[in-house]
Amino acid sequence: MASKSKHYGDISNWIEKVIESCETYQQTLSAKRLLHNFEGQLREEYMELYWSEYQYDIIDPLRIKLRDKRSKFISKV
C-alpha cells in the first residue's frame, strides 16, 4: 500500500497509519525506514521550512508514535 498523494500532510497521515498497523517489532523497522525516507524528502524539498516547522510539527510526533509502538513490543519480550 502506498500513499496516492504527494502532499506532505497526506504522506504524514499515511505513515501514521502504517505505524499504528504494525503488529510485530520487525514491521516497526520497516516503518522506521519509511519515516527516515520521508524525513529526507522533506529536507530536500522544503529546506527552509524543515528546521523551523516540519521537524517539530510532523517528524517528531511520528517518531514518538513509532518509539511508543516499538517499546510495546520490546516490553513483551
Protein backbone atom coordinates (compact mmCIF):
# COMPACT_ATOMS: atom_id res chain seq x y z
CA MET A 1 0.00 0.00 0.00
CA ALA A 2 1.34 3.41 -0.86
CA SER A 3 0.23 6.97 -0.42
CA LYS A 4 -1.57 8.21 -3.53
CA SER A 5 -0.96 11.89 -2.82
CA LYS A 6 2.41 13.60 -2.87
CA HIS A 7 1.38 16.28 -0.35
CA TYR A 8 3.47 16.03 2.82
CA GLY A 9 0.38 16.13 5.05
CA ASP A 10 -1.18 13.16 3.28
CA ILE A 11 2.09 11.24 3.42
CA SER A 12 2.41 12.02 7.12
CA ASN A 13 -1.11 10.67 7.75
CA TRP A 14 -0.31 7.55 5.73
CA ILE A 15 2.90 6.92 7.71
CA GLU A 16 0.95 7.35 10.95
CA LYS A 17 -1.49 4.66 9.80
CA VAL A 18 1.41 2.38 8.87
CA ILE A 19 2.89 2.82 12.35
CA GLU A 20 -0.46 2.12 14.01
CA SER A 21 -0.93 -1.03 11.93
CA CYS A 22 2.41 -2.59 12.93
CA GLU A 23 1.83 -5.92 14.65
CA THR A 24 5.44 -7.06 15.07
CA TYR A 25 8.73 -5.46 16.00
CA GLN A 26 10.05 -6.29 12.52
CA GLN A 27 7.28 -4.22 10.95
CA THR A 28 8.33 -1.23 13.04
CA LEU A 29 11.77 -1.45 11.44
CA SER A 30 10.15 -1.00 8.03
CA ALA A 31 8.10 1.90 9.39
CA LYS A 32 11.32 3.44 10.68
CA ARG A 33 12.87 3.27 7.19
CA LEU A 34 9.71 4.77 5.73
CA LEU A 35 9.86 7.65 8.20
CA HIS A 36 13.57 8.15 7.53
CA ASN A 37 12.96 8.37 3.77
CA PHE A 38 10.09 10.80 4.27
CA GLU A 39 12.25 12.98 6.50
CA GLY A 40 14.97 13.09 3.86
CA GLN A 41 12.42 14.03 1.22
CA LEU A 42 11.11 16.89 3.36
CA ARG A 43 14.63 18.16 3.97
CA GLU A 44 15.36 18.21 0.25
CA GLU A 45 12.12 19.83 -0.88
CA TYR A 46 11.49 22.24 1.99
CA MET A 47 14.92 23.03 3.42
CA GLU A 48 14.00 26.43 4.88
CA LEU A 49 10.75 25.24 6.47
CA TYR A 50 12.08 21.89 7.62
CA TRP A 51 14.03 23.03 10.68
CA SER A 52 11.59 25.73 11.72
CA GLU A 53 8.34 23.80 11.32
CA TYR A 54 8.34 20.33 9.82
CA GLN A 55 10.85 18.80 12.22
CA TYR A 56 8.68 19.69 15.21
CA ASP A 57 5.19 19.51 13.73
CA ILE A 58 5.48 16.44 11.51
CA ILE A 59 8.60 14.32 12.07
CA ASP A 60 8.89 14.42 15.87
CA PRO A 61 5.27 13.32 16.52
CA LEU A 62 5.72 10.42 14.10
CA ARG A 63 8.98 9.44 15.79
CA ILE A 64 7.25 9.45 19.17
CA LYS A 65 4.42 7.25 17.86
CA LEU A 66 6.96 4.85 16.39
CA ARG A 67 9.03 4.81 19.58
CA ASP A 68 5.96 4.08 21.68
CA LYS A 69 4.87 1.31 19.32
CA ARG A 70 8.32 -0.27 19.38
CA SER A 71 8.53 -0.08 23.16
CA LYS A 72 5.30 -2.11 23.42
CA PHE A 73 6.94 -4.95 21.51
CA ILE A 74 10.18 -4.71 23.47
CA SER A 75 8.38 -4.81 26.82
CA LYS A 76 6.57 -8.02 25.81
CA VAL A 77 9.85 -9.89 25.33
